Amino acid sequence: MKPTETDSTAVDWRGDSASSPDVTRRERLKETYEARVRTPALVAWADWRTRFGLLIIGGYVLMALVAVLGLWREPSTSQAPRLLGPFTDMSYPLGTTQSGVDLMALVIHSTPTILILITAGAVWATLIAVIIGTVAGYKGGSVDRGLMSFSDLVMAIPGLPLVIILAVTLNPENPVVLGVIINISYWAGLGRSLRSQVLTIRENNYVEASRTMGISTPRIILKDIIPNLMPYITVNFVFAARYVMFASVGLYFLGVLPYSTQNWGVTLNFAYSNGALFSWQAAHWLLAPMIAIMGLSLGLILLGQGLDRVFNPRVRTRMAGESKSTVADDDDDTVTEVF
């Protein structure tokens, strides 16, 4: 039995209705990609600081991979002339220590621990500060007073003695735990600063509109408040990471933190103890870990400054307009070629 015209129309109608959600979903995915991936990437990449920061951080990540995959000799297996100068023998590009240890191997094999340590400490401090600062600023009242009193109590505790006591008591060797211990109280000041900014943001019309419509507090904080705080959060995340790096190197240098293998701080300690500070022949022993520390710090600063543009609404709006105009020009060229 052949389908009638009515049946075919119904079939066509059903087919169109079935394909319509697919088109809508595809357009929605394209809009999401443009708004959350392509436009932020264009804004970030347009700044030379982002490019250089990514290049430097990428170099340290590459060194960490080399260490993890065992593509460079272990420091303990180095059998080289003592106090060999940098670039004297390309088998040991950065030279050697007084005991013949390859400095390049020391720098490379210290990188994974440092990267894990600073990431864990920065994530811990920033996450706790964002949670406490935004909740206290938005809720106000007794919640605000309670959270800020707790923050003030933490700020009143001397940070360095607390870290030393916890390190000596717990004796942790896991870099994640060490990062959290070093930044155990760093979040308090950042949380209070975020709270003061939330007090202003919560008075905006769009926040009041969301509150009037009965939207839940977590959703308002995530959708309306935190996006406006992202430039400040990004910069302070970088500051927290740099603080962990400098503090850990200093504490390793002082011999407070436990270690099973040498790292940048321990290398500085051994160099200083063997008189590298007063001997030009051994100066590279001090300079190698110092340059590694300064390079990572510079990469973090440049990356943080570049990513700050991503969360600047004026820059993003301008870049989005340029992106749309470019797409429109491409479409016009295509139409001209067709005709």
C-alpha atoms as a PDB file:
ATOM      1  CA  MET A   1       0.000   0.000   0.000  1.00  0.00           C
ATOM      2  CA  LYS A   2       1.514   3.307  -1.139  1.00  0.00           C
ATOM      3  CA  PRO A   3       1.572   6.201   1.270  1.00  0.00           C
ATOM      4  CA  THR A   4      -0.852   8.979   0.463  1.00  0.00           C
ATOM      5  CA  GLU A   5       0.137  12.617   0.078  1.00  0.00           C
ATOM      6  CA  THR A   6      -0.975  13.234   3.625  1.00  0.00           C
ATOM      7  CA  ASP A   7       1.205  10.400   4.856  1.00  0.00           C
ATOM      8  CA  SER A   8       4.242  11.694   2.988  1.00  0.00           C
ATOM      9  CA  THR A   9       3.667  15.148   4.361  1.00  0.00           C
ATOM     10  CA  ALA A  10       3.492  13.715   7.851  1.00  0.00           C
ATOM     11  CA  VAL A  11       6.678  11.821   7.216  1.00  0.00           C
ATOM     12  CA  ASP A  12       8.387  14.987   5.975  1.00  0.00           C
ATOM     13  CA  TRP A  13       7.033  16.937   8.933  1.00  0.00           C
ATOM     14  CA  ARG A  14       8.335  14.341  11.335  1.00  0.00           C
ATOM     15  CA  GLY A  15      11.680  14.350   9.611  1.00  0.00           C
ATOM     16  CA  ASP A  16      11.981  18.137   9.862  1.00  0.00           C
ATOM     17  CA  SER A  17      10.962  18.097  13.502  1.00  0.00           C
ATOM     18  CA  ALA A  18      13.505  15.394  14.202  1.00  0.00           C
ATOM     19  CA  SER A  19      16.320  17.294  12.518  1.00  0.00           C
ATOM     20  CA  SER A  20      15.417  20.638  14.097  1.00  0.00           C
ATOM     21  CA  PRO A  21      16.763  19.792  17.579  1.00  0.00           C
ATOM     22  CA  ASP A  22      20.011  18.631  15.949  1.00  0.00           C
ATOM     23  CA  VAL A  23      20.514  21.998  14.288  1.00  0.00           C
ATOM     24  CA  THR A  24      19.663  23.826  17.500  1.00  0.00           C
ATOM     25  CA  ARG A  25      22.074  21.689  19.489  1.00  0.00           C
ATOM     26  CA  ARG A  26      24.815  22.253  16.922  1.00  0.00           C
ATOM     27  CA  GLU A  27      24.298  26.002  17.032  1.00  0.00           C
ATOM     28  CA  ARG A  28      24.326  25.963  20.806  1.00  0.00           C
ATOM     29  CA  LEU A  29      27.589  24.045  20.846  1.00  0.00           C
ATOM     30  CA  LYS A  30      29.079  26.485  18.344  1.00  0.00           C
ATOM     31  CA  GLU A  31      28.045  29.469  20.465  1.00  0.00           C
ATOM     32  CA  THR A  32      29.482  27.832  23.572  1.00  0.00           C
ATOM     33  CA  TYR A  33      32.744  27.127  21.755  1.00  0.00           C
ATOM     34  CA  GLU A  34      32.978  30.724  20.511  1.00  0.00           C
ATOM     35  CA  ALA A  35      32.186  32.250  23.904  1.00  0.00           C
ATOM     36  CA  ARG A  36      34.178  29.965  26.204  1.00  0.00           C
ATOM     37  CA  VAL A  37      37.056  28.643  24.089  1.00  0.00           C
ATOM     38  CA  ARG A  38      37.837  30.558  20.910  1.00  0.00           C
ATOM     39  CA  THR A  39      37.316  34.139  22.106  1.00  0.00           C
ATOM     40  CA  PRO A  40      39.232  33.700  25.414  1.00  0.00           C
ATOM     41  CA  ALA A  41      42.032  31.947  23.514  1.00  0.00           C
ATOM     42  CA  LEU A  42      42.260  34.824  21.000  1.00  0.00           C
ATOM     43  CA  VAL A  43      42.284  37.399  23.782  1.00  0.00           C
ATOM     44  CA  ALA A  44      44.995  35.569  25.711  1.00  0.00           C
ATOM     45  CA  TRP A  45      47.144  34.791  22.683  1.00  0.00           C
ATOM     46  CA  ALA A  46      47.010  38.418  21.489  1.00  0.00           C
ATOM     47  CA  ASP A  47      49.142  39.421  24.486  1.00  0.00           C
ATOM     48  CA  TRP A  48      52.879  38.709  24.176  1.00  0.00           C
ATOM     49  CA  ARG A  49      53.027  38.077  27.909  1.00  0.00           C
ATOM     50  CA  THR A  50      50.740  35.086  27.546  1.00  0.00           C
ATOM     51  CA  ARG A  51      52.873  33.634  24.754  1.00  0.00           C
ATOM     52  CA  PHE A  52      56.137  34.057  26.648  1.00  0.00           C
ATOM     53  CA  GLY A  53      54.570  32.842  29.894  1.00  0.00           C
ATOM     54  CA  LEU A  54      53.237  29.702  28.214  1.00  0.00           C
ATOM     55  CA  LEU A  55      56.612  29.136  26.565  1.00  0.00           C
ATOM     56  CA  ILE A  56      58.456  29.355  29.887  1.00  0.00           C
ATOM     57  CA  ILE A  57      55.937  27.230  31.820  1.00  0.00           C
ATOM     58  CA  GLY A  58      55.915  24.750  28.943  1.00  0.00           C
ATOM     59  CA  GLY A  59      59.693  24.469  29.231  1.00  0.00           C
ATOM     60  CA  TYR A  60      59.422  23.551  32.909  1.00  0.00           C
ATOM     61  CA  VAL A  61      56.660  21.040  32.193  1.00  0.00           C
ATOM     62  CA  LEU A  62      58.908  19.524  29.528  1.00  0.00           C
ATOM     63  CA  MET A  63      61.738  19.251  32.055  1.00  0.00           C
ATOM     64  CA  ALA A  64      59.373  17.545  34.473  1.00  0.00           C
ATOM     65  CA  LEU A  65      58.389  15.032  31.793  1.00  0.00           C
ATOM     66  CA  VAL A  66      62.049  14.386  31.028  1.00  0.00           C
ATOM     67  CA  ALA A  67      62.637  13.632  34.701  1.00  0.00           C
ATOM     68  CA  VAL A  68      59.552  11.438  35.078  1.00  0.00           C
ATOM     69  CA  LEU A  69      60.317   9.453  31.919  1.00  0.00           C
ATOM     70  CA  GLY A  70      63.974   9.049  32.880  1.00  0.00           C
ATOM     71  CA  LEU A  71      65.326  10.708  29.720  1.00  0.00           C
ATOM     72  CA  TRP A  72      68.199  12.385  31.608  1.00  0.00           C
ATOM     73  CA  ARG A  73      70.688  10.809  33.965  1.00  0.00           C
ATOM     74  CA  GLU A  74      69.970  10.722  37.686  1.00  0.00           C
ATOM     75  CA  PRO A  75      72.062  13.111  39.820  1.00  0.00           C
ATOM     76  CA  SER A  76      73.345  10.231  41.931  1.00  0.00           C
ATOM     77  CA  THR A  77      74.768   8.462  38.859  1.00  0.00           C
ATOM     78  CA  SER A  78      76.900  11.406  37.713  1.00  0.00           C
ATOM     79  CA  GLN A  79      80.599  10.609  37.438  1.00  0.00           C
ATOM     80  CA  ALA A  80      82.123  13.844  36.165  1.00  0.00           C
ATOM     81  CA  PRO A  81      85.073  16.091  36.949  1.00  0.00           C
ATOM     82  CA  ARG A  82      84.568  18.217  40.035  1.00  0.00           C
ATOM     83  CA  LEU A  83      83.460  21.835  39.708  1.00  0.00           C
ATOM     84  CA  LEU A  84      83.297  21.629  35.946  1.00  0.00           C
ATOM     85  CA  GLY A  85      82.289  25.031  34.568  1.00  0.00           C
ATOM     86  CA  PRO A  86      79.099  25.608  32.584  1.00  0.00           C
ATOM     87  CA  PHE A  87      79.283  24.869  28.842  1.00  0.00           C
ATOM     88  CA  THR A  88      82.795  23.515  29.257  1.00  0.00           C
ATOM     89  CA  ASP A  89      81.647  19.987  28.449  1.00  0.00           C
ATOM     90  CA  MET A  90      78.291  19.721  26.660  1.00  0.00           C
ATOM     91  CA  SER A  91      77.677  16.374  28.359  1.00  0.00           C
ATOM     92  CA  TYR A  92      77.261  18.518  31.501  1.00  0.00           C
ATOM     93  CA  PRO A  93      75.838  21.828  30.138  1.00  0.00           C
ATOM     94  CA  LEU A  94      75.442  23.573  33.502  1.00  0.00           C
ATOM     95  CA  GLY A  95      78.640  22.171  34.996  1.00  0.00           C
ATOM     96  CA  THR A  96      79.089  19.997  38.061  1.00  0.00           C
ATOM     97  CA  THR A  97      79.282  20.332  41.826  1.00  0.00           C
ATOM     98  CA  GLN A  98      82.279  19.804  44.093  1.00  0.00           C
ATOM     99  CA  SER A  99      81.443  16.091  44.252  1.00  0.00           C
ATOM    100  CA  GLY A 100      81.020  15.769  40.469  1.00  0.00           C
ATOM    101  CA  VAL A 101      77.198  15.807  40.386  1.00  0.00           C
ATOM    102  CA  ASP A 102      75.601  17.038  37.158  1.00  0.00           C
ATOM    103  CA  LEU A 103      73.831  20.350  37.857  1.00  0.00           C
ATOM    104  CA  MET A 104      71.553  19.898  34.852  1.00  0.00           C
ATOM    105  CA  ALA A 105      70.389  16.608  36.338  1.00  0.00           C
ATOM    106  CA  LEU A 106      69.763  18.327  39.686  1.00  0.00           C
ATOM    107  CA  VAL A 107      67.655  21.068  38.072  1.00  0.00           C
ATOM    108  CA  ILE A 108      65.673  18.675  35.872  1.00  0.00           C
ATOM    109  CA  HIS A 109      64.932  16.085  38.546  1.00  0.00           C
ATOM    110  CA  SER A 110      63.900  18.780  41.045  1.00  0.00           C
ATOM    111  CA  THR A 111      61.295  20.234  38.679  1.00  0.00           C
ATOM    112  CA  PRO A 112      58.431  17.688  39.086  1.00  0.00           C
ATOM    113  CA  THR A 113      58.386  18.043  42.865  1.00  0.00           C
ATOM    114  CA  ILE A 114      58.426  21.846  42.704  1.00  0.00           C
ATOM    115  CA  LEU A 115      55.620  21.995  40.121  1.00  0.00           C
ATOM    116  CA  ILE A 116      53.393  19.646  42.134  1.00  0.00           C
ATOM    117  CA  LEU A 117      54.166  21.512  45.340  1.00  0.00           C
ATOM    118  CA  ILE A 118      53.359  24.999  44.041  1.00  0.00           C
ATOM    119  CA  THR A 119      50.223  23.821  42.226  1.00  0.00           C
ATOM    120  CA  ALA A 120      48.848  22.097  45.321  1.00  0.00           C
ATOM    121  CA  GLY A 121      49.594  25.073  47.568  1.00  0.00           C
ATOM    122  CA  ALA A 122      48.130  27.642  45.152  1.00  0.00           C
ATOM    123  CA  VAL A 123      44.966  25.618  44.519  1.00  0.00           C
ATOM    124  CA  TRP A 124      44.421  25.083  48.247  1.00  0.00           C
ATOM    125  CA  ALA A 125      44.866  28.741  49.203  1.00  0.00           C
ATOM    126  CA  THR A 126      42.825  30.123  46.304  1.00  0.00           C
ATOM    127  CA  LEU A 127      39.968  27.650  46.643  1.00  0.00           C
ATOM    128  CA  ILE A 128      39.508  28.174  50.382  1.00  0.00           C
ATOM    129  CA  ALA A 129      39.764  31.958  49.980  1.00  0.00           C
ATOM    130  CA  VAL A 130      37.166  32.019  47.193  1.00  0.00           C
ATOM    131  CA  ILE A 131      34.705  29.869  49.135  1.00  0.00           C
ATOM    132  CA  ILE A 132      34.991  31.796  52.399  1.00  0.00           C
ATOM    133  CA  GLY A 133      35.262  35.257  50.827  1.00  0.00           C
ATOM    134  CA  THR A 134      32.307  34.912  48.451  1.00  0.00           C
ATOM    135  CA  VAL A 135      29.995  33.223  50.958  1.00  0.00           C
ATOM    136  CA  ALA A 136      30.788  35.739  53.691  1.00  0.00           C
ATOM    137  CA  GLY A 137      30.382  38.733  51.398  1.00  0.00           C
ATOM    138  CA  TYR A 138      27.165  37.541  49.789  1.00  0.00           C
ATOM    139  CA  LYS A 139      25.345  36.145  52.834  1.00  0.00           C
ATOM    140  CA  GLY A 140      26.344  38.855  55.332  1.00  0.00           C
ATOM    141  CA  GLY A 141      24.970  38.861  58.864  1.00  0.00           C
ATOM    142  CA  SER A 142      26.060  36.192  61.304  1.00  0.00           C
ATOM    143  CA  VAL A 143      27.613  34.074  58.524  1.00  0.00           C
ATOM    144  CA  ASP A 144      29.844  36.974  57.540  1.00  0.00           C
ATOM    145  CA  ARG A 145      30.835  37.722  61.126  1.00  0.00           C
ATOM    146  CA  GLY A 146      31.612  34.088  61.880  1.00  0.00           C
ATOM    147  CA  LEU A 147      33.728  33.486  58.765  1.00  0.00           C
ATOM    148  CA  MET A 148      35.603  36.759  59.091  1.00  0.00           C
ATOM    149  CA  SER A 149      36.303  36.112  62.774  1.00  0.00           C
ATOM    150  CA  PHE A 150      37.779  32.748  61.811  1.00  0.00           C
ATOM    151  CA  SER A 151      39.855  34.431  59.076  1.00  0.00           C
ATOM    152  CA  ASP A 152      41.130  37.028  61.540  1.00  0.00           C
ATOM    153  CA  LEU A 153      42.095  34.246  63.948  1.00  0.00           C
ATOM    154  CA  VAL A 154      44.077  32.474  61.238  1.00  0.00           C
ATOM    155  CA  MET A 155      45.750  35.735  60.189  1.00  0.00           C
ATOM    156  CA  ALA A 156      46.787  36.366  63.787  1.00  0.00           C
ATOM    157  CA  ILE A 157      48.775  33.115  63.903  1.00  0.00           C
ATOM    158  CA  PRO A 158      52.399  33.654  62.733  1.00  0.00           C
ATOM    159  CA  GLY A 159      52.648  31.843  59.413  1.00  0.00           C
ATOM    160  CA  LEU A 160      56.305  30.785  59.339  1.00  0.00           C
ATOM    161  CA  PRO A 161      56.458  29.332  62.889  1.00  0.00           C
ATOM    162  CA  LEU A 162      53.219  27.445  62.195  1.00  0.00           C
ATOM    163  CA  VAL A 163      54.655  25.957  58.996  1.00  0.00           C
ATOM    164  CA  ILE A 164      57.874  24.961  60.768  1.00  0.00           C
ATOM    165  CA  ILE A 165      55.972  23.310  63.638  1.00  0.00           C
ATOM    166  CA  LEU A 166      53.711  21.384  61.247  1.00  0.00           C
ATOM    167  CA  ALA A 167      56.652  20.329  59.063  1.00  0.00           C
ATOM    168  CA  VAL A 168      58.671  19.087  62.031  1.00  0.00           C
ATOM    169  CA  THR A 169      55.667  17.365  63.630  1.00  0.00           C
ATOM    170  CA  LEU A 170      54.206  15.701  60.533  1.00  0.00           C
ATOM    171  CA  ASN A 171      57.507  15.227  58.684  1.00  0.00           C
ATOM    172  CA  PRO A 172      55.726  15.026  55.298  1.00  0.00           C
ATOM    173  CA  GLU A 173      57.559  14.134  52.084  1.00  0.00           C
ATOM    174  CA  ASN A 174      54.536  14.192  49.761  1.00  0.00           C
ATOM    175  CA  PRO A 175      54.768  17.437  47.731  1.00  0.00           C
ATOM    176  CA  VAL A 176      50.980  17.867  47.762  1.00  0.00           C
ATOM    177  CA  VAL A 177      50.906  17.807  51.569  1.00  0.00           C
ATOM    178  CA  LEU A 178      53.911  20.113  51.722  1.00  0.00           C
ATOM    179  CA  GLY A 179      52.228  22.624  49.437  1.00  0.00           C
ATOM    180  CA  VAL A 180      49.123  22.689  51.621  1.00  0.00           C
ATOM    181  CA  ILE A 181      51.184  23.053  54.807  1.00  0.00           C
ATOM    182  CA  ILE A 182      53.219  25.953  53.417  1.00  0.00           C
ATOM    183  CA  ASN A 183      50.039  27.808  52.406  1.00  0.00           C
ATOM    184  CA  ILE A 184      48.052  26.642  55.424  1.00  0.00           C
ATOM    185  CA  SER A 185      47.153  30.228  56.418  1.00  0.00           C
ATOM    186  CA  TYR A 186      47.763  32.126  53.178  1.00  0.00           C
ATOM    187  CA  TRP A 187      44.070  32.047  52.230  1.00  0.00           C
ATOM    188  CA  ALA A 188      42.932  34.244  55.138  1.00  0.00           C
ATOM    189  CA  GLY A 189      44.085  37.590  53.757  1.00  0.00           C
ATOM    190  CA  LEU A 190      42.900  36.770  50.249  1.00  0.00           C
ATOM    191  CA  GLY A 191      39.508  35.664  51.569  1.00  0.00           C
ATOM    192  CA  ARG A 192      39.005  38.980  53.382  1.00  0.00           C
ATOM    193  CA  SER A 193      39.957  40.911  50.229  1.00  0.00           C
ATOM    194  CA  LEU A 194      37.502  38.907  48.130  1.00  0.00           C
ATOM    195  CA  ARG A 195      34.774  39.468  50.703  1.00  0.00           C
ATOM    196  CA  SER A 196      35.181  43.254  50.437  1.00  0.00           C
ATOM    197  CA  GLN A 197      34.736  43.066  46.657  1.00  0.00           C
ATOM    198  CA  VAL A 198      31.695  40.811  46.910  1.00  0.00           C
ATOM    199  CA  LEU A 199      30.027  43.383  49.185  1.00  0.00           C
ATOM    200  CA  THR A 200      30.051  45.767  46.199  1.00  0.00           C
ATOM    201  CA  ILE A 201      29.136  43.227  43.519  1.00  0.00           C
ATOM    202  CA  ARG A 202      26.111  41.886  45.375  1.00  0.00           C
ATOM    203  CA  GLU A 203      24.437  45.316  45.106  1.00  0.00           C
ATOM    204  CA  ASN A 204      24.433  45.218  41.294  1.00  0.00           C
ATOM    205  CA  ASN A 205      21.113  45.021  39.485  1.00  0.00           C
ATOM    206  CA  TYR A 206      21.678  41.619  37.914  1.00  0.00           C
ATOM    207  CA  VAL A 207      22.464  40.060  41.293  1.00  0.00           C
ATOM    208  CA  GLU A 208      19.340  41.623  42.767  1.00  0.00           C
ATOM    209  CA  ALA A 209      17.326  40.302  39.811  1.00  0.00           C
ATOM    210  CA  SER A 210      18.669  36.775  40.305  1.00  0.00           C
ATOM    211  CA  ARG A 211      17.863  36.950  44.009  1.00  0.00           C
ATOM    212  CA  THR A 212      14.330  38.191  43.269  1.00  0.00           C
ATOM    213  CA  MET A 213      13.717  35.316  40.831  1.00  0.00           C
ATOM    214  CA  GLY A 214      14.542  32.854  43.605  1.00  0.00           C
ATOM    215  CA  ILE A 215      17.790  31.531  42.142  1.00  0.00           C
ATOM    216  CA  SER A 216      19.789  29.567  44.696  1.00  0.00           C
ATOM    217  CA  THR A 217      22.766  31.106  46.474  1.00  0.00           C
ATOM    218  CA  PRO A 218      25.393  28.698  45.041  1.00  0.00           C
ATOM    219  CA  ARG A 219      24.184  29.427  41.502  1.00  0.00           C
ATOM    220  CA  ILE A 220      24.282  33.205  42.031  1.00  0.00           C
ATOM    221  CA  ILE A 221      27.781  32.981  43.436  1.00  0.00           C
ATOM    222  CA  LEU A 222      29.001  30.784  40.567  1.00  0.00           C
ATOM    223  CA  LYS A 223      27.243  32.598  37.706  1.00  0.00           C
ATOM    224  CA  ASP A 224      27.053  36.241  38.809  1.00  0.00           C
ATOM    225  CA  ILE A 225      29.765  36.899  41.392  1.00  0.00           C
ATOM    226  CA  ILE A 226      32.820  34.712  40.763  1.00  0.00           C
ATOM    227  CA  PRO A 227      33.150  35.682  37.044  1.00  0.00           C
ATOM    228  CA  ASN A 228      33.552  39.315  38.136  1.00  0.00           C
ATOM    229  CA  LEU A 229      36.274  38.298  40.579  1.00  0.00           C
ATOM    230  CA  MET A 230      38.301  36.194  38.147  1.00  0.00           C
ATOM    231  CA  PRO A 231      40.964  38.839  37.315  1.00  0.00           C
ATOM    232  CA  TYR A 232      41.700  39.269  41.012  1.00  0.00           C
ATOM    233  CA  ILE A 233      41.563  35.517  41.631  1.00  0.00           C
ATOM    234  CA  THR A 234      43.937  34.788  38.744  1.00  0.00           C
ATOM    235  CA  VAL A 235      46.548  37.292  39.900  1.00  0.00           C
ATOM    236  CA  ASN A 236      46.406  36.028  43.479  1.00  0.00           C
ATOM    237  CA  PHE A 237      46.644  32.414  42.310  1.00  0.00           C
ATOM    238  CA  VAL A 238      49.963  33.333  40.700  1.00  0.00           C
ATOM    239  CA  PHE A 239      51.087  35.145  43.864  1.00  0.00           C
ATOM    240  CA  ALA A 240      50.171  32.101  45.964  1.00  0.00           C
ATOM    241  CA  ALA A 241      52.154  29.812  43.646  1.00  0.00           C
ATOM    242  CA  ARG A 242      55.213  32.076  43.817  1.00  0.00           C
ATOM    243  CA  TYR A 243      54.928  32.261  47.594  1.00  0.00           C
ATOM    244  CA  VAL A 244      54.917  28.466  47.862  1.00  0.00           C
ATOM    245  CA  MET A 245      57.960  28.205  45.617  1.00  0.00           C
ATOM    246  CA  PHE A 246      60.006  30.813  47.490  1.00  0.00           C
ATOM    247  CA  ALA A 247      58.928  29.533  50.910  1.00  0.00           C
ATOM    248  CA  SER A 248      59.683  25.913  50.053  1.00  0.00           C
ATOM    249  CA  VAL A 249      63.111  26.743  48.642  1.00  0.00           C
ATOM    250  CA  GLY A 250      63.895  28.814  51.738  1.00  0.00           C
ATOM    251  CA  LEU A 251      62.745  26.107  54.125  1.00  0.00           C
ATOM    252  CA  TYR A 252      64.675  23.443  52.220  1.00  0.00           C
ATOM    253  CA  PHE A 253      67.719  25.712  52.354  1.00  0.00           C
ATOM    254  CA  LEU A 254      67.332  26.021  56.128  1.00  0.00           C
ATOM    255  CA  GLY A 255      66.914  22.285  56.487  1.00  0.00           C
ATOM    256  CA  VAL A 256      63.427  22.498  57.981  1.00  0.00           C
ATOM    257  CA  LEU A 257      61.550  20.445  55.380  1.00  0.00           C
ATOM    258  CA  PRO A 258      62.313  16.745  54.982  1.00  0.00           C
ATOM    259  CA  TYR A 259      63.607  15.488  51.651  1.00  0.00           C
ATOM    260  CA  SER A 260      64.628  12.211  50.102  1.00  0.00           C
ATOM    261  CA  THR A 261      66.317  13.632  46.991  1.00  0.00           C
ATOM    262  CA  GLN A 262      68.041  16.916  46.283  1.00  0.00           C
ATOM    263  CA  ASN A 263      66.016  19.868  45.046  1.00  0.00           C
ATOM    264  CA  TRP A 264      66.661  23.537  44.326  1.00  0.00           C
ATOM    265  CA  GLY A 265      66.696  24.560  47.981  1.00  0.00           C
ATOM    266  CA  VAL A 266      68.932  21.687  49.046  1.00  0.00           C
ATOM    267  CA  THR A 267      71.276  22.411  46.136  1.00  0.00           C
ATOM    268  CA  LEU A 268      71.576  26.023  47.297  1.00  0.00           C
ATOM    269  CA  ASN A 269      72.296  24.803  50.821  1.00  0.00           C
ATOM    270  CA  PHE A 270      75.080  22.475  49.690  1.00  0.00           C
ATOM    271  CA  ALA A 271      76.569  25.164  47.454  1.00  0.00           C
ATOM    272  CA  TYR A 272      76.565  27.716  50.270  1.00  0.00           C
ATOM    273  CA  SER A 273      77.995  25.210  52.769  1.00  0.00           C
ATOM    274  CA  ASN A 274      80.883  24.426  50.404  1.00  0.00           C
ATOM    275  CA  GLY A 275      81.832  28.062  49.912  1.00  0.00           C
ATOM    276  CA  ALA A 276      80.294  28.652  46.482  1.00  0.00           C
ATOM    277  CA  LEU A 277      79.282  32.140  47.594  1.00  0.00           C
ATOM    278  CA  PHE A 278      82.929  33.164  47.925  1.00  0.00           C
ATOM    279  CA  SER A 279      84.455  31.260  45.006  1.00  0.00           C
ATOM    280  CA  TRP A 280      84.044  32.311  41.384  1.00  0.00           C
ATOM    281  CA  GLN A 281      85.009  28.806  40.285  1.00  0.00           C
ATOM    282  CA  ALA A 282      81.951  27.400  42.105  1.00  0.00           C
ATOM    283  CA  ALA A 283      79.576  30.312  41.414  1.00  0.00           C
ATOM    284  CA  HIS A 284      77.632  28.288  38.813  1.00  0.00           C
ATOM    285  CA  TRP A 285      76.683  25.883  41.610  1.00  0.00           C
ATOM    286  CA  LEU A 286      74.635  28.692  43.150  1.00  0.00           C
ATOM    287  CA  LEU A 287      73.496  30.294  39.893  1.00  0.00           C
ATOM    288  CA  ALA A 288      71.947  27.185  38.323  1.00  0.00           C
ATOM    289  CA  PRO A 289      69.141  26.685  40.894  1.00  0.00           C
ATOM    290  CA  MET A 290      68.709  30.451  41.289  1.00  0.00           C
ATOM    291  CA  ILE A 291      68.126  30.901  37.548  1.00  0.00           C
ATOM    292  CA  ALA A 292      65.667  27.996  37.607  1.00  0.00           C
ATOM    293  CA  ILE A 293      63.731  29.658  40.436  1.00  0.00           C
ATOM    294  CA  MET A 294      63.697  33.083  38.767  1.00  0.00           C
ATOM    295  CA  GLY A 295      62.673  31.608  35.414  1.00  0.00           C
ATOM    296  CA  LEU A 296      59.673  29.810  36.868  1.00  0.00           C
ATOM    297  CA  SER A 297      58.663  32.922  38.789  1.00  0.00           C
ATOM    298  CA  LEU A 298      58.885  35.037  35.630  1.00  0.00           C
ATOM    299  CA  GLY A 299      56.794  32.532  33.688  1.00  0.00           C
ATOM    300  CA  LEU A 300      54.086  32.562  36.343  1.00  0.00           C
ATOM    301  CA  ILE A 301      53.975  36.370  36.417  1.00  0.00           C
ATOM    302  CA  LEU A 302      53.752  36.713  32.627  1.00  0.00           C
ATOM    303  CA  LEU A 303      51.083  34.037  32.371  1.00  0.00           C
ATOM    304  CA  GLY A 304      49.034  35.619  35.143  1.00  0.00           C
ATOM    305  CA  GLN A 305      49.226  39.061  33.545  1.00  0.00           C
ATOM    306  CA  GLY A 306      48.254  37.659  30.158  1.00  0.00           C
ATOM    307  CA  LEU A 307      45.316  35.658  31.485  1.00  0.00           C
ATOM    308  CA  ASP A 308      44.065  38.770  33.253  1.00  0.00           C
ATOM    309  CA  ARG A 309      42.982  40.029  29.810  1.00  0.00           C
ATOM    310  CA  VAL A 310      40.735  36.997  29.367  1.00  0.00           C
ATOM    311  CA  PHE A 311      38.519  38.104  32.244  1.00  0.00           C
ATOM    312  CA  ASN A 312      38.489  41.794  31.275  1.00  0.00           C
ATOM    313  CA  PRO A 313      35.015  42.321  29.781  1.00  0.00           C
ATOM    314  CA  ARG A 314      36.066  45.296  27.626  1.00  0.00           C
ATOM    315  CA  VAL A 315      38.905  43.394  25.982  1.00  0.00           C
ATOM    316  CA  ARG A 316      36.769  40.307  25.444  1.00  0.00           C
ATOM    317  CA  THR A 317      33.960  42.349  23.884  1.00  0.00           C
ATOM    318  CA  ARG A 318      36.373  44.064  21.497  1.00  0.00           C
ATOM    319  CA  MET A 319      38.032  40.789  20.514  1.00  0.00           C
ATOM    320  CA  ALA A 320      34.660  39.120  20.059  1.00  0.00           C
ATOM    321  CA  GLY A 321      33.585  41.940  17.720  1.00  0.00           C
ATOM    322  CA  GLU A 322      36.768  41.578  15.699  1.00  0.00           C
ATOM    323  CA  SER A 323      36.225  37.825  15.491  1.00  0.00           C
ATOM    324  CA  LYS A 324      32.653  38.245  14.231  1.00  0.00           C
ATOM    325  CA  SER A 325      33.695  40.871  11.678  1.00  0.00           C
ATOM    326  CA  THR A 326      36.371  38.511  10.390  1.00  0.00           C
ATOM    327  CA  VAL A 327      33.822  35.708   9.992  1.00  0.00           C
ATOM    328  CA  ALA A 328      31.455  38.101   8.204  1.00  0.00           C
ATOM    329  CA  ASP A 329      34.204  39.167   5.796  1.00  0.00           C
ATOM    330  CA  ASP A 330      34.973  35.527   5.048  1.00  0.00           C
ATOM    331  CA  ASP A 331      31.308  34.854   4.331  1.00  0.00           C
ATOM    332  CA  ASP A 332      31.096  37.890   2.003  1.00  0.00           C
ATOM    333  CA  ASP A 333      34.145  36.697   0.090  1.00  0.00           C
ATOM    334  CA  THR A 334      32.605  33.257  -0.285  1.00  0.00           C
ATOM    335  CA  VAL A 335      29.334  34.718  -1.647  1.00  0.00           C
ATOM    336  CA  THR A 336      31.237  36.924  -4.109  1.00  0.00           C
ATOM    337  CA  GLU A 337      33.159  33.929  -5.430  1.00  0.00           C
ATOM    338  CA  VAL A 338      29.950  31.941  -5.904  1.00  0.00           C
ATOM    339  CA  PHE A 339      28.308  34.666  -7.968  1.00  0.00           C
END
